[in-house]
Amino acid sequence: MIGYLRGKVLSLLPESVLLDVNGVGYEVMCSGAAFANLSGVKKGEEGELYTYLQVSEQGIALYGFADLKEKELFLRLTTCRAWARNLRSRRFPPCGPPI
């Protein structure tokens, strides 16, 4: 897992940031709060993000957050969505015989 990154900001777009961390460029999809925190950072200056690496059937994505509370909320929401998706896919038996 990649839980935190600090490095030089190479580019900053409303939806993502490219960070150079010791010569490796990480493209991170940013939350609004993370983008707001980095918006004052100029190219070449240091920025930091808490991150979550998501690996799924759709691919790999690296998400960035302003702080640990925001990351924790994201993880709770994704867990709830996964739980709801699993619940919808199950077929429940009838509660009893028809009357």
C-alpha atoms as a PDB file:
ATOM      1  CA  MET A   1       0.000   0.000   0.000  1.00  0.00           C
ATOM      2  CA  ILE A   2       1.004   3.570  -0.539  1.00  0.00           C
ATOM      3  CA  GLY A   3      -0.333   5.538   2.435  1.00  0.00           C
ATOM      4  CA  TYR A   4       1.474   8.879   2.180  1.00  0.00           C
ATOM      5  CA  LEU A   5       3.495  10.792  -0.381  1.00  0.00           C
ATOM      6  CA  ARG A   6       5.665  13.891  -0.088  1.00  0.00           C
ATOM      7  CA  GLY A   7       7.516  15.274  -3.044  1.00  0.00           C
ATOM      8  CA  LYS A   8       7.901  17.982  -5.663  1.00  0.00           C
ATOM      9  CA  VAL A   9       4.734  19.025  -7.468  1.00  0.00           C
ATOM     10  CA  LEU A  10       5.283  18.572 -11.208  1.00  0.00           C
ATOM     11  CA  SER A  11       1.743  19.404 -12.294  1.00  0.00           C
ATOM     12  CA  LEU A  12      -1.528  20.236 -10.608  1.00  0.00           C
ATOM     13  CA  LEU A  13      -4.894  19.797 -12.304  1.00  0.00           C
ATOM     14  CA  PRO A  14      -8.330  20.091 -10.643  1.00  0.00           C
ATOM     15  CA  GLU A  15      -8.682  16.300 -10.537  1.00  0.00           C
ATOM     16  CA  SER A  16      -5.092  15.133 -10.094  1.00  0.00           C
ATOM     17  CA  VAL A  17      -1.557  15.993  -9.061  1.00  0.00           C
ATOM     18  CA  LEU A  18       1.735  14.620 -10.337  1.00  0.00           C
ATOM     19  CA  LEU A  19       4.300  14.295  -7.535  1.00  0.00           C
ATOM     20  CA  ASP A  20       7.980  13.514  -8.020  1.00  0.00           C
ATOM     21  CA  VAL A  21       9.048  11.424  -5.035  1.00  0.00           C
ATOM     22  CA  ASN A  22      12.769  10.643  -5.307  1.00  0.00           C
ATOM     23  CA  GLY A  23      12.624  10.450  -9.087  1.00  0.00           C
ATOM     24  CA  VAL A  24       9.382   8.454  -9.324  1.00  0.00           C
ATOM     25  CA  GLY A  25       6.323  10.310 -10.628  1.00  0.00           C
ATOM     26  CA  TYR A  26       3.042   9.448  -8.903  1.00  0.00           C
ATOM     27  CA  GLU A  27      -0.202  10.593 -10.502  1.00  0.00           C
ATOM     28  CA  VAL A  28      -2.745  10.944  -7.708  1.00  0.00           C
ATOM     29  CA  MET A  29      -6.476  11.569  -8.097  1.00  0.00           C
ATOM     30  CA  CYS A  30      -7.211  14.343  -5.591  1.00  0.00           C
ATOM     31  CA  SER A  31     -10.183  15.203  -3.428  1.00  0.00           C
ATOM     32  CA  GLY A  32     -11.364  18.800  -3.411  1.00  0.00           C
ATOM     33  CA  ALA A  33      -9.732  19.428  -0.034  1.00  0.00           C
ATOM     34  CA  ALA A  34      -6.409  17.954  -1.177  1.00  0.00           C
ATOM     35  CA  PHE A  35      -6.503  20.097  -4.304  1.00  0.00           C
ATOM     36  CA  ALA A  36      -7.267  23.196  -2.198  1.00  0.00           C
ATOM     37  CA  ASN A  37      -4.284  22.428   0.073  1.00  0.00           C
ATOM     38  CA  LEU A  38      -1.978  22.058  -2.924  1.00  0.00           C
ATOM     39  CA  SER A  39      -3.341  24.999  -4.942  1.00  0.00           C
ATOM     40  CA  GLY A  40      -0.908  27.396  -3.241  1.00  0.00           C
ATOM     41  CA  VAL A  41       2.071  25.165  -4.045  1.00  0.00           C
ATOM     42  CA  LYS A  42       4.084  26.175  -7.102  1.00  0.00           C
ATOM     43  CA  LYS A  43       5.710  23.745  -9.536  1.00  0.00           C
ATOM     44  CA  GLY A  44       8.891  22.360  -8.043  1.00  0.00           C
ATOM     45  CA  GLU A  45       7.822  23.068  -4.466  1.00  0.00           C
ATOM     46  CA  GLU A  46       7.091  20.275  -2.026  1.00  0.00           C
ATOM     47  CA  GLY A  47       3.578  18.968  -1.452  1.00  0.00           C
ATOM     48  CA  GLU A  48       2.152  16.089   0.532  1.00  0.00           C
ATOM     49  CA  LEU A  49      -0.892  13.828   0.418  1.00  0.00           C
ATOM     50  CA  TYR A  50      -2.308  10.933   2.369  1.00  0.00           C
ATOM     51  CA  THR A  51      -3.120   8.273  -0.170  1.00  0.00           C
ATOM     52  CA  TYR A  52      -5.119   5.129  -0.782  1.00  0.00           C
ATOM     53  CA  LEU A  53      -4.158   2.637  -3.488  1.00  0.00           C
ATOM     54  CA  GLN A  54      -7.234   0.915  -4.898  1.00  0.00           C
ATOM     55  CA  VAL A  55      -6.780  -2.287  -6.874  1.00  0.00           C
ATOM     56  CA  SER A  56      -9.909  -3.668  -8.545  1.00  0.00           C
ATOM     57  CA  GLU A  57     -11.104  -5.435 -11.660  1.00  0.00           C
ATOM     58  CA  GLN A  58     -11.396  -2.018 -13.339  1.00  0.00           C
ATOM     59  CA  GLY A  59      -7.728  -1.210 -12.723  1.00  0.00           C
ATOM     60  CA  ILE A  60      -5.427   0.502 -10.242  1.00  0.00           C
ATOM     61  CA  ALA A  61      -6.065   4.002  -8.897  1.00  0.00           C
ATOM     62  CA  LEU A  62      -4.183   6.150  -6.388  1.00  0.00           C
ATOM     63  CA  TYR A  63      -6.393   8.596  -4.453  1.00  0.00           C
ATOM     64  CA  GLY A  64      -5.058  11.570  -2.487  1.00  0.00           C
ATOM     65  CA  PHE A  65      -6.500  13.258   0.592  1.00  0.00           C
ATOM     66  CA  ALA A  66      -5.723  16.370   2.609  1.00  0.00           C
ATOM     67  CA  ASP A  67      -5.640  14.546   5.965  1.00  0.00           C
ATOM     68  CA  LEU A  68      -6.239  11.203   7.635  1.00  0.00           C
ATOM     69  CA  LYS A  69      -9.845  12.041   8.593  1.00  0.00           C
ATOM     70  CA  GLU A  70     -10.765  12.612   4.966  1.00  0.00           C
ATOM     71  CA  LYS A  71      -9.072   9.353   3.957  1.00  0.00           C
ATOM     72  CA  GLU A  72     -10.900   7.469   6.709  1.00  0.00           C
ATOM     73  CA  LEU A  73     -14.256   8.850   5.534  1.00  0.00           C
ATOM     74  CA  PHE A  74     -13.476   7.743   1.968  1.00  0.00           C
ATOM     75  CA  LEU A  75     -12.626   4.233   3.183  1.00  0.00           C
ATOM     76  CA  ARG A  76     -15.861   4.015   5.185  1.00  0.00           C
ATOM     77  CA  LEU A  77     -17.923   5.144   2.209  1.00  0.00           C
ATOM     78  CA  THR A  78     -16.288   2.661  -0.158  1.00  0.00           C
ATOM     79  CA  THR A  79     -16.844  -0.121   2.382  1.00  0.00           C
ATOM     80  CA  CYS A  80     -20.535   0.829   2.662  1.00  0.00           C
ATOM     81  CA  ARG A  81     -20.910   0.838  -1.137  1.00  0.00           C
ATOM     82  CA  ALA A  82     -19.288  -2.600  -1.402  1.00  0.00           C
ATOM     83  CA  TRP A  83     -21.523  -3.935   1.358  1.00  0.00           C
ATOM     84  CA  ALA A  84     -24.666  -2.537  -0.337  1.00  0.00           C
ATOM     85  CA  ARG A  85     -23.599  -3.979  -3.700  1.00  0.00           C
ATOM     86  CA  ASN A  86     -23.134  -7.419  -2.118  1.00  0.00           C
ATOM     87  CA  LEU A  87     -26.488  -7.130  -0.368  1.00  0.00           C
ATOM     88  CA  ARG A  88     -28.288  -6.279  -3.637  1.00  0.00           C
ATOM     89  CA  SER A  89     -26.736  -9.250  -5.445  1.00  0.00           C
ATOM     90  CA  ARG A  90     -27.984 -11.830  -2.934  1.00  0.00           C
ATOM     91  CA  ARG A  91     -31.265 -13.660  -3.426  1.00  0.00           C
ATOM     92  CA  PHE A  92     -33.140 -13.949  -0.164  1.00  0.00           C
ATOM     93  CA  PRO A  93     -35.573 -16.809   0.423  1.00  0.00           C
ATOM     94  CA  PRO A  94     -39.219 -15.940   1.080  1.00  0.00           C
ATOM     95  CA  CYS A  95     -40.078 -15.348   4.711  1.00  0.00           C
ATOM     96  CA  GLY A  96     -42.656 -18.094   4.843  1.00  0.00           C
ATOM     97  CA  PRO A  97     -45.249 -19.985   2.840  1.00  0.00           C
ATOM     98  CA  PRO A  98     -47.750 -17.896   0.872  1.00  0.00           C
ATOM     99  CA  ILE A  99     -51.047 -17.364   2.620  1.00  0.00           C
END
